[in-house]
Amino acid sequence: MTVTATATTTAEPLPAETVTARAKPAPTVTRTKTIRVTVAPAAAGDEEEGGDTAGGSAYYANCTAARAAGAAPVHAGDPGYGRHLDRDGDGVGGE
């Protein structure tokens, strides 16, 4: 006579482990744009029709050029002020 016995064992479950995922911080991106501005003295008679009053010898083609030169805002009577910089006509250009 042959007797066969089968034994079954159940493993004890391991305790649950909690894992918390943390997001990585976004990288900081810094962009720099270099603008070269050449300021030439305004010659006599270079004022445009419309009453540009060059208050000195500086000239800025636009507000970006005035800001890049560290002159903005430019007030009426200041070197480099021109009506083309003063969109709202309040006497302050490049604001």
PDB file of N, CA and C in Angstrom:
ATOM      1  N   MET A   1       0.819  -1.133   0.000  1.00  0.00           N
ATOM      2  CA  MET A   1       0.000   0.000   0.000  1.00  0.00           C
ATOM      3  C   MET A   1       0.891   1.233   0.000  1.00  0.00           C
ATOM      4  N   THR A   2       0.561   2.211  -0.823  1.00  0.00           N
ATOM      5  CA  THR A   2       1.324   3.454  -0.942  1.00  0.00           C
ATOM      6  C   THR A   2       0.431   4.586  -0.475  1.00  0.00           C
ATOM      7  N   VAL A   3       0.962   5.383   0.400  1.00  0.00           N
ATOM      8  CA  VAL A   3       0.224   6.545   0.902  1.00  0.00           C
ATOM      9  C   VAL A   3       0.980   7.786   0.462  1.00  0.00           C
ATOM     10  N   THR A   4       0.262   8.653  -0.159  1.00  0.00           N
ATOM     11  CA  THR A   4       0.857   9.921  -0.608  1.00  0.00           C
ATOM     12  C   THR A   4       0.190  11.044   0.170  1.00  0.00           C
ATOM     13  N   ALA A   5       0.971  11.842   0.795  1.00  0.00           N
ATOM     14  CA  ALA A   5       0.443  12.983   1.538  1.00  0.00           C
ATOM     15  C   ALA A   5       0.935  14.261   0.875  1.00  0.00           C
ATOM     16  N   THR A   6       0.050  15.201   0.723  1.00  0.00           N
ATOM     17  CA  THR A   6       0.401  16.501   0.122  1.00  0.00           C
ATOM     18  C   THR A   6       0.269  17.555   1.204  1.00  0.00           C
ATOM     19  N   ALA A   7       1.308  18.307   1.389  1.00  0.00           N
ATOM     20  CA  ALA A   7       1.269  19.374   2.384  1.00  0.00           C
ATOM     21  C   ALA A   7       1.288  20.712   1.662  1.00  0.00           C
ATOM     22  N   THR A   8       0.409  21.584   2.037  1.00  0.00           N
ATOM     23  CA  THR A   8       0.341  22.913   1.444  1.00  0.00           C
ATOM     24  C   THR A   8       0.597  23.931   2.541  1.00  0.00           C
ATOM     25  N   THR A   9       1.524  24.824   2.302  1.00  0.00           N
ATOM     26  CA  THR A   9       1.786  25.885   3.279  1.00  0.00           C
ATOM     27  C   THR A   9       1.521  27.231   2.615  1.00  0.00           C
ATOM     28  N   THR A  10       1.004  28.128   3.362  1.00  0.00           N
ATOM     29  CA  THR A  10       0.729  29.471   2.865  1.00  0.00           C
ATOM     30  C   THR A  10       1.699  30.424   3.544  1.00  0.00           C
ATOM     31  N   ALA A  11       2.379  31.219   2.717  1.00  0.00           N
ATOM     32  CA  ALA A  11       3.340  32.181   3.258  1.00  0.00           C
ATOM     33  C   ALA A  11       2.601  33.334   3.905  1.00  0.00           C
ATOM     34  N   GLU A  12       3.158  33.808   4.996  1.00  0.00           N
ATOM     35  CA  GLU A  12       2.579  34.955   5.674  1.00  0.00           C
ATOM     36  C   GLU A  12       2.800  36.191   4.791  1.00  0.00           C
ATOM     37  N   PRO A  13       1.787  37.017   4.563  1.00  0.00           N
ATOM     38  CA  PRO A  13       1.991  38.213   3.738  1.00  0.00           C
ATOM     39  C   PRO A  13       2.902  39.204   4.468  1.00  0.00           C
ATOM     40  N   LEU A  14       3.749  39.845   3.677  1.00  0.00           N
ATOM     41  CA  LEU A  14       4.625  40.866   4.239  1.00  0.00           C
ATOM     42  C   LEU A  14       3.812  42.116   4.538  1.00  0.00           C
ATOM     43  N   PRO A  15       4.187  42.879   5.526  1.00  0.00           N
ATOM     44  CA  PRO A  15       3.447  44.111   5.802  1.00  0.00           C
ATOM     45  C   PRO A  15       3.535  45.050   4.597  1.00  0.00           C
ATOM     46  N   ALA A  16       2.455  45.771   4.327  1.00  0.00           N
ATOM     47  CA  ALA A  16       2.413  46.687   3.185  1.00  0.00           C
ATOM     48  C   ALA A  16       3.378  47.849   3.414  1.00  0.00           C
ATOM     49  N   GLU A  17       4.011  48.261   2.328  1.00  0.00           N
ATOM     50  CA  GLU A  17       4.954  49.375   2.400  1.00  0.00           C
ATOM     51  C   GLU A  17       4.373  50.533   1.604  1.00  0.00           C
ATOM     52  N   THR A  18       4.351  51.700   2.194  1.00  0.00           N
ATOM     53  CA  THR A  18       3.815  52.875   1.515  1.00  0.00           C
ATOM     54  C   THR A  18       4.965  53.625   0.868  1.00  0.00           C
ATOM     55  N   VAL A  19       4.807  53.915  -0.420  1.00  0.00           N
ATOM     56  CA  VAL A  19       5.820  54.657  -1.166  1.00  0.00           C
ATOM     57  C   VAL A  19       5.174  55.943  -1.650  1.00  0.00           C
ATOM     58  N   THR A  20       5.799  57.056  -1.342  1.00  0.00           N
ATOM     59  CA  THR A  20       5.287  58.352  -1.774  1.00  0.00           C
ATOM     60  C   THR A  20       6.204  58.893  -2.866  1.00  0.00           C
ATOM     61  N   ALA A  21       5.616  59.167  -4.030  1.00  0.00           N
ATOM     62  CA  ALA A  21       6.392  59.711  -5.143  1.00  0.00           C
ATOM     63  C   ALA A  21       6.444  61.231  -5.010  1.00  0.00           C
ATOM     64  N   ARG A  22       7.594  61.780  -5.221  1.00  0.00           N
ATOM     65  CA  ARG A  22       7.757  63.235  -5.165  1.00  0.00           C
ATOM     66  C   ARG A  22       8.176  63.733  -6.536  1.00  0.00           C
ATOM     67  N   ALA A  23       7.511  64.770  -6.970  1.00  0.00           N
ATOM     68  CA  ALA A  23       7.835  65.355  -8.267  1.00  0.00           C
ATOM     69  C   ALA A  23       9.151  66.112  -8.175  1.00  0.00           C
ATOM     70  N   LYS A  24       9.940  66.012  -9.217  1.00  0.00           N
ATOM     71  CA  LYS A  24      11.185  66.783  -9.263  1.00  0.00           C
ATOM     72  C   LYS A  24      10.839  68.229  -9.594  1.00  0.00           C
ATOM     73  N   PRO A  25      11.527  69.184  -8.990  1.00  0.00           N
ATOM     74  CA  PRO A  25      11.243  70.585  -9.317  1.00  0.00           C
ATOM     75  C   PRO A  25      11.628  70.878 -10.771  1.00  0.00           C
ATOM     76  N   ALA A  26      10.861  71.762 -11.371  1.00  0.00           N
ATOM     77  CA  ALA A  26      11.141  72.147 -12.756  1.00  0.00           C
ATOM     78  C   ALA A  26      12.451  72.925 -12.801  1.00  0.00           C
ATOM     79  N   PRO A  27      13.241  72.721 -13.841  1.00  0.00           N
ATOM     80  CA  PRO A  27      14.498  73.467 -13.936  1.00  0.00           C
ATOM     81  C   PRO A  27      14.228  74.945 -14.187  1.00  0.00           C
ATOM     82  N   THR A  28      15.116  75.784 -13.692  1.00  0.00           N
ATOM     83  CA  THR A  28      15.015  77.219 -13.917  1.00  0.00           C
ATOM     84  C   THR A  28      15.739  77.557 -15.215  1.00  0.00           C
ATOM     85  N   VAL A  29      15.032  78.254 -16.096  1.00  0.00           N
ATOM     86  CA  VAL A  29      15.610  78.630 -17.381  1.00  0.00           C
ATOM     87  C   VAL A  29      15.707  80.150 -17.421  1.00  0.00           C
ATOM     88  N   THR A  30      16.889  80.647 -17.661  1.00  0.00           N
ATOM     89  CA  THR A  30      17.102  82.085 -17.761  1.00  0.00           C
ATOM     90  C   THR A  30      17.604  82.388 -19.167  1.00  0.00           C
ATOM     91  N   ARG A  31      16.917  83.298 -19.815  1.00  0.00           N
ATOM     92  CA  ARG A  31      17.340  83.695 -21.158  1.00  0.00           C
ATOM     93  C   ARG A  31      17.777  85.154 -21.109  1.00  0.00           C
ATOM     94  N   THR A  32      18.842  85.444 -21.776  1.00  0.00           N
ATOM     95  CA  THR A  32      19.374  86.795 -21.811  1.00  0.00           C
ATOM     96  C   THR A  32      19.460  87.244 -23.256  1.00  0.00           C
ATOM     97  N   LYS A  33      18.984  88.435 -23.524  1.00  0.00           N
ATOM     98  CA  LYS A  33      19.070  88.982 -24.871  1.00  0.00           C
ATOM     99  C   LYS A  33      19.910  90.249 -24.792  1.00  0.00           C
ATOM    100  N   THR A  34      20.952  90.309 -25.584  1.00  0.00           N
ATOM    101  CA  THR A  34      21.833  91.461 -25.595  1.00  0.00           C
ATOM    102  C   THR A  34      21.443  92.364 -26.756  1.00  0.00           C
ATOM    103  N   ILE A  35      21.253  93.625 -26.453  1.00  0.00           N
ATOM    104  CA  ILE A  35      20.898  94.603 -27.481  1.00  0.00           C
ATOM    105  C   ILE A  35      22.001  95.639 -27.531  1.00  0.00           C
ATOM    106  N   ARG A  36      22.534  95.865 -28.712  1.00  0.00           N
ATOM    107  CA  ARG A  36      23.568  96.886 -28.884  1.00  0.00           C
ATOM    108  C   ARG A  36      22.900  98.144 -29.426  1.00  0.00           C
ATOM    109  N   VAL A  37      23.118  99.253 -28.739  1.00  0.00           N
ATOM    110  CA  VAL A  37      22.518 100.521 -29.121  1.00  0.00           C
ATOM    111  C   VAL A  37      23.634 101.525 -29.341  1.00  0.00           C
ATOM    112  N   THR A  38      23.569 102.191 -30.474  1.00  0.00           N
ATOM    113  CA  THR A  38      24.525 103.252 -30.766  1.00  0.00           C
ATOM    114  C   THR A  38      23.765 104.563 -30.728  1.00  0.00           C
ATOM    115  N   VAL A  39      24.210 105.464 -29.889  1.00  0.00           N
ATOM    116  CA  VAL A  39      23.560 106.755 -29.755  1.00  0.00           C
ATOM    117  C   VAL A  39      24.464 107.785 -30.415  1.00  0.00           C
ATOM    118  N   ALA A  40      23.933 108.380 -31.469  1.00  0.00           N
ATOM    119  CA  ALA A  40      24.704 109.386 -32.202  1.00  0.00           C
ATOM    120  C   ALA A  40      24.141 110.762 -31.893  1.00  0.00           C
ATOM    121  N   PRO A  41      24.992 111.763 -31.837  1.00  0.00           N
ATOM    122  CA  PRO A  41      24.484 113.111 -31.604  1.00  0.00           C
ATOM    123  C   PRO A  41      23.583 113.545 -32.750  1.00  0.00           C
ATOM    124  N   ALA A  42      22.489 114.211 -32.408  1.00  0.00           N
ATOM    125  CA  ALA A  42      21.572 114.713 -33.431  1.00  0.00           C
ATOM    126  C   ALA A  42      22.161 115.986 -34.031  1.00  0.00           C
ATOM    127  N   ALA A  43      22.212 116.036 -35.336  1.00  0.00           N
ATOM    128  CA  ALA A  43      22.721 117.232 -36.015  1.00  0.00           C
ATOM    129  C   ALA A  43      21.622 118.282 -36.052  1.00  0.00           C
ATOM    130  N   ALA A  44      22.004 119.530 -36.129  1.00  0.00           N
ATOM    131  CA  ALA A  44      21.022 120.611 -36.197  1.00  0.00           C
ATOM    132  C   ALA A  44      20.160 120.409 -37.431  1.00  0.00           C
ATOM    133  N   GLY A  45      18.869 120.549 -37.276  1.00  0.00           N
ATOM    134  CA  GLY A  45      17.957 120.406 -38.408  1.00  0.00           C
ATOM    135  C   GLY A  45      17.506 118.974 -38.617  1.00  0.00           C
ATOM    136  N   ASP A  46      17.924 118.019 -37.765  1.00  0.00           N
ATOM    137  CA  ASP A  46      17.513 116.634 -37.911  1.00  0.00           C
ATOM    138  C   ASP A  46      16.149 116.352 -37.300  1.00  0.00           C
ATOM    139  N   GLU A  47      15.534 117.362 -36.682  1.00  0.00           N
ATOM    140  CA  GLU A  47      14.250 117.133 -36.058  1.00  0.00           C
ATOM    141  C   GLU A  47      13.208 116.870 -37.136  1.00  0.00           C
ATOM    142  N   GLU A  48      12.342 115.874 -36.884  1.00  0.00           N
ATOM    143  CA  GLU A  48      11.294 115.552 -37.840  1.00  0.00           C
ATOM    144  C   GLU A  48      10.199 116.597 -37.752  1.00  0.00           C
ATOM    145  N   GLU A  49       9.425 116.706 -38.839  1.00  0.00           N
ATOM    146  CA  GLU A  49       8.264 117.564 -38.768  1.00  0.00           C
ATOM    147  C   GLU A  49       7.324 116.973 -37.744  1.00  0.00           C
ATOM    148  N   GLY A  50       6.632 117.795 -37.023  1.00  0.00           N
ATOM    149  CA  GLY A  50       5.746 117.292 -35.998  1.00  0.00           C
ATOM    150  C   GLY A  50       6.239 117.713 -34.624  1.00  0.00           C
ATOM    151  N   GLY A  51       7.345 118.423 -34.573  1.00  0.00           N
ATOM    152  CA  GLY A  51       7.770 119.016 -33.327  1.00  0.00           C
ATOM    153  C   GLY A  51       8.611 118.151 -32.427  1.00  0.00           C
ATOM    154  N   ASP A  52       9.385 117.206 -32.950  1.00  0.00           N
ATOM    155  CA  ASP A  52      10.299 116.476 -32.078  1.00  0.00           C
ATOM    156  C   ASP A  52      11.239 117.487 -31.456  1.00  0.00           C
ATOM    157  N   THR A  53      11.347 117.426 -30.166  1.00  0.00           N
ATOM    158  CA  THR A  53      12.244 118.347 -29.493  1.00  0.00           C
ATOM    159  C   THR A  53      13.375 117.543 -28.898  1.00  0.00           C
ATOM    160  N   ALA A  54      14.476 117.490 -29.591  1.00  0.00           N
ATOM    161  CA  ALA A  54      15.638 116.785 -29.061  1.00  0.00           C
ATOM    162  C   ALA A  54      16.185 117.662 -27.954  1.00  0.00           C
ATOM    163  N   GLY A  55      16.009 117.257 -26.712  1.00  0.00           N
ATOM    164  CA  GLY A  55      16.401 118.068 -25.569  1.00  0.00           C
ATOM    165  C   GLY A  55      17.891 118.045 -25.345  1.00  0.00           C
ATOM    166  N   GLY A  56      18.641 117.385 -26.191  1.00  0.00           N
ATOM    167  CA  GLY A  56      20.086 117.326 -26.053  1.00  0.00           C
ATOM    168  C   GLY A  56      20.665 116.641 -27.263  1.00  0.00           C
ATOM    169  N   SER A  57      21.820 116.022 -27.083  1.00  0.00           N
ATOM    170  CA  SER A  57      22.485 115.425 -28.228  1.00  0.00           C
ATOM    171  C   SER A  57      22.214 113.931 -28.372  1.00  0.00           C
ATOM    172  N   ALA A  58      21.415 113.324 -27.518  1.00  0.00           N
ATOM    173  CA  ALA A  58      21.122 111.894 -27.621  1.00  0.00           C
ATOM    174  C   ALA A  58      19.912 111.687 -28.523  1.00  0.00           C
ATOM    175  N   TYR A  59      19.881 110.539 -29.189  1.00  0.00           N
ATOM    176  CA  TYR A  59      18.728 110.165 -30.015  1.00  0.00           C
ATOM    177  C   TYR A  59      18.458 108.686 -29.806  1.00  0.00           C
ATOM    178  N   TYR A  60      17.215 108.339 -29.557  1.00  0.00           N
ATOM    179  CA  TYR A  60      16.812 106.948 -29.411  1.00  0.00           C
ATOM    180  C   TYR A  60      15.787 106.645 -30.491  1.00  0.00           C
ATOM    181  N   ALA A  61      16.053 105.612 -31.268  1.00  0.00           N
ATOM    182  CA  ALA A  61      15.158 105.256 -32.367  1.00  0.00           C
ATOM    183  C   ALA A  61      13.803 104.792 -31.860  1.00  0.00           C
ATOM    184  N   ASN A  62      13.785 104.156 -30.678  1.00  0.00           N
ATOM    185  CA  ASN A  62      12.528 103.666 -30.115  1.00  0.00           C
ATOM    186  C   ASN A  62      12.701 103.501 -28.607  1.00  0.00           C
ATOM    187  N   CYS A  63      11.612 103.098 -27.946  1.00  0.00           N
ATOM    188  CA  CYS A  63      11.647 102.953 -26.487  1.00  0.00           C
ATOM    189  C   CYS A  63      12.585 101.841 -26.048  1.00  0.00           C
ATOM    190  N   THR A  64      12.693 100.789 -26.839  1.00  0.00           N
ATOM    191  CA  THR A  64      13.607  99.693 -26.503  1.00  0.00           C
ATOM    192  C   THR A  64      15.044 100.203 -26.458  1.00  0.00           C
ATOM    193  N   ALA A  65      15.405 101.053 -27.408  1.00  0.00           N
ATOM    194  CA  ALA A  65      16.757 101.614 -27.432  1.00  0.00           C
ATOM    195  C   ALA A  65      16.984 102.530 -26.233  1.00  0.00           C
ATOM    196  N   ALA A  66      15.974 103.308 -25.860  1.00  0.00           N
ATOM    197  CA  ALA A  66      16.105 104.197 -24.702  1.00  0.00           C
ATOM    198  C   ALA A  66      16.264 103.382 -23.417  1.00  0.00           C
ATOM    199  N   ARG A  67      15.491 102.291 -23.302  1.00  0.00           N
ATOM    200  CA  ARG A  67      15.605 101.431 -22.113  1.00  0.00           C
ATOM    201  C   ARG A  67      16.974 100.765 -22.061  1.00  0.00           C
ATOM    202  N   ALA A  68      17.449 100.282 -23.203  1.00  0.00           N
ATOM    203  CA  ALA A  68      18.742  99.599 -23.250  1.00  0.00           C
ATOM    204  C   ALA A  68      19.876 100.543 -22.856  1.00  0.00           C
ATOM    205  N   ALA A  69      19.722 101.819 -23.160  1.00  0.00           N
ATOM    206  CA  ALA A  69      20.735 102.802 -22.805  1.00  0.00           C
ATOM    207  C   ALA A  69      20.576 103.278 -21.362  1.00  0.00           C
ATOM    208  N   GLY A  70      19.520 102.809 -20.685  1.00  0.00           N
ATOM    209  CA  GLY A  70      19.287 103.207 -19.303  1.00  0.00           C
ATOM    210  C   GLY A  70      18.688 104.595 -19.170  1.00  0.00           C
ATOM    211  N   ALA A  71      18.110 105.123 -20.255  1.00  0.00           N
ATOM    212  CA  ALA A  71      17.585 106.482 -20.240  1.00  0.00           C
ATOM    213  C   ALA A  71      16.071 106.541 -20.064  1.00  0.00           C
ATOM    214  N   ALA A  72      15.360 105.441 -20.254  1.00  0.00           N
ATOM    215  CA  ALA A  72      13.895 105.471 -20.185  1.00  0.00           C
ATOM    216  C   ALA A  72      13.442 105.460 -18.736  1.00  0.00           C
ATOM    217  N   PRO A  73      12.399 106.145 -18.398  1.00  0.00           N
ATOM    218  CA  PRO A  73      11.596 107.008 -19.272  1.00  0.00           C
ATOM    219  C   PRO A  73      12.303 108.340 -19.537  1.00  0.00           C
ATOM    220  N   VAL A  74      12.083 108.865 -20.726  1.00  0.00           N
ATOM    221  CA  VAL A  74      12.702 110.122 -21.148  1.00  0.00           C
ATOM    222  C   VAL A  74      11.618 111.188 -21.101  1.00  0.00           C
ATOM    223  N   HIS A  75      11.864 112.258 -20.374  1.00  0.00           N
ATOM    224  CA  HIS A  75      10.880 113.332 -20.237  1.00  0.00           C
ATOM    225  C   HIS A  75      11.154 114.436 -21.253  1.00  0.00           C
ATOM    226  N   ALA A  76      10.098 115.166 -21.604  1.00  0.00           N
ATOM    227  CA  ALA A  76      10.240 116.293 -22.531  1.00  0.00           C
ATOM    228  C   ALA A  76      11.308 117.238 -21.986  1.00  0.00           C
ATOM    229  N   GLY A  77      12.246 117.603 -22.821  1.00  0.00           N
ATOM    230  CA  GLY A  77      13.343 118.471 -22.409  1.00  0.00           C
ATOM    231  C   GLY A  77      14.608 117.712 -22.058  1.00  0.00           C
ATOM    232  N   ASP A  78      14.480 116.411 -21.775  1.00  0.00           N
ATOM    233  CA  ASP A  78      15.661 115.585 -21.497  1.00  0.00           C
ATOM    234  C   ASP A  78      16.378 115.241 -22.796  1.00  0.00           C
ATOM    235  N   PRO A  79      17.703 115.015 -22.734  1.00  0.00           N
ATOM    236  CA  PRO A  79      18.418 114.572 -23.937  1.00  0.00           C
ATOM    237  C   PRO A  79      17.812 113.264 -24.453  1.00  0.00           C
ATOM    238  N   GLY A  80      17.520 113.228 -25.752  1.00  0.00           N
ATOM    239  CA  GLY A  80      16.991 112.028 -26.376  1.00  0.00           C
ATOM    240  C   GLY A  80      15.487 111.954 -26.450  1.00  0.00           C
ATOM    241  N   TYR A  81      14.762 112.874 -25.788  1.00  0.00           N
ATOM    242  CA  TYR A  81      13.306 112.843 -25.867  1.00  0.00           C
ATOM    243  C   TYR A  81      12.865 113.189 -27.279  1.00  0.00           C
ATOM    244  N   GLY A  82      11.880 112.489 -27.758  1.00  0.00           N
ATOM    245  CA  GLY A  82      11.276 112.790 -29.052  1.00  0.00           C
ATOM    246  C   GLY A  82       9.819 112.355 -29.021  1.00  0.00           C
ATOM    247  N   ARG A  83       8.989 113.022 -29.791  1.00  0.00           N
ATOM    248  CA  ARG A  83       7.562 112.681 -29.800  1.00  0.00           C
ATOM    249  C   ARG A  83       7.321 111.270 -30.285  1.00  0.00           C
ATOM    250  N   HIS A  84       8.242 110.724 -31.075  1.00  0.00           N
ATOM    251  CA  HIS A  84       8.076 109.343 -31.540  1.00  0.00           C
ATOM    252  C   HIS A  84       8.191 108.342 -30.384  1.00  0.00           C
ATOM    253  N   LEU A  85       8.745 108.774 -29.244  1.00  0.00           N
ATOM    254  CA  LEU A  85       8.841 107.916 -28.066  1.00  0.00           C
ATOM    255  C   LEU A  85       7.636 108.091 -27.133  1.00  0.00           C
ATOM    256  N   ASP A  86       6.857 109.140 -27.350  1.00  0.00           N
ATOM    257  CA  ASP A  86       5.756 109.504 -26.454  1.00  0.00           C
ATOM    258  C   ASP A  86       4.426 109.188 -27.114  1.00  0.00           C
ATOM    259  N   ARG A  87       3.991 107.928 -27.003  1.00  0.00           N
ATOM    260  CA  ARG A  87       2.793 107.480 -27.698  1.00  0.00           C
ATOM    261  C   ARG A  87       1.525 108.198 -27.209  1.00  0.00           C
ATOM    262  N   ASP A  88       1.421 108.459 -25.910  1.00  0.00           N
ATOM    263  CA  ASP A  88       0.191 109.072 -25.393  1.00  0.00           C
ATOM    264  C   ASP A  88       0.281 110.586 -25.251  1.00  0.00           C
ATOM    265  N   GLY A  89       1.421 111.190 -25.628  1.00  0.00           N
ATOM    266  CA  GLY A  89       1.557 112.639 -25.653  1.00  0.00           C
ATOM    267  C   GLY A  89       1.574 113.318 -24.297  1.00  0.00           C
ATOM    268  N   ASP A  90       1.982 112.589 -23.238  1.00  0.00           N
ATOM    269  CA  ASP A  90       1.979 113.179 -21.897  1.00  0.00           C
ATOM    270  C   ASP A  90       3.327 113.781 -21.504  1.00  0.00           C
ATOM    271  N   GLY A  91       4.296 113.803 -22.437  1.00  0.00           N
ATOM    272  CA  GLY A  91       5.593 114.400 -22.143  1.00  0.00           C
ATOM    273  C   GLY A  91       6.597 113.405 -21.584  1.00  0.00           C
ATOM    274  N   VAL A  92       6.215 112.118 -21.517  1.00  0.00           N
ATOM    275  CA  VAL A  92       7.119 111.089 -21.025  1.00  0.00           C
ATOM    276  C   VAL A  92       7.222 110.005 -22.103  1.00  0.00           C
ATOM    277  N   GLY A  93       8.432 109.804 -22.616  1.00  0.00           N
ATOM    278  CA  GLY A  93       8.629 108.797 -23.666  1.00  0.00           C
ATOM    279  C   GLY A  93       9.266 107.538 -23.131  1.00  0.00           C
ATOM    280  N   GLY A  94       8.967 106.435 -23.769  1.00  0.00           N
ATOM    281  CA  GLY A  94       9.575 105.158 -23.411  1.00  0.00           C
ATOM    282  C   GLY A  94       9.069 104.605 -22.101  1.00  0.00           C
ATOM    283  N   GLU A  95       7.835 104.928 -21.751  1.00  0.00           N
ATOM    284  CA  GLU A  95       7.293 104.433 -20.487  1.00  0.00           C
ATOM    285  C   GLU A  95       6.565 103.128 -20.660  1.00  0.00           C
TER     286      GLU A  95
END
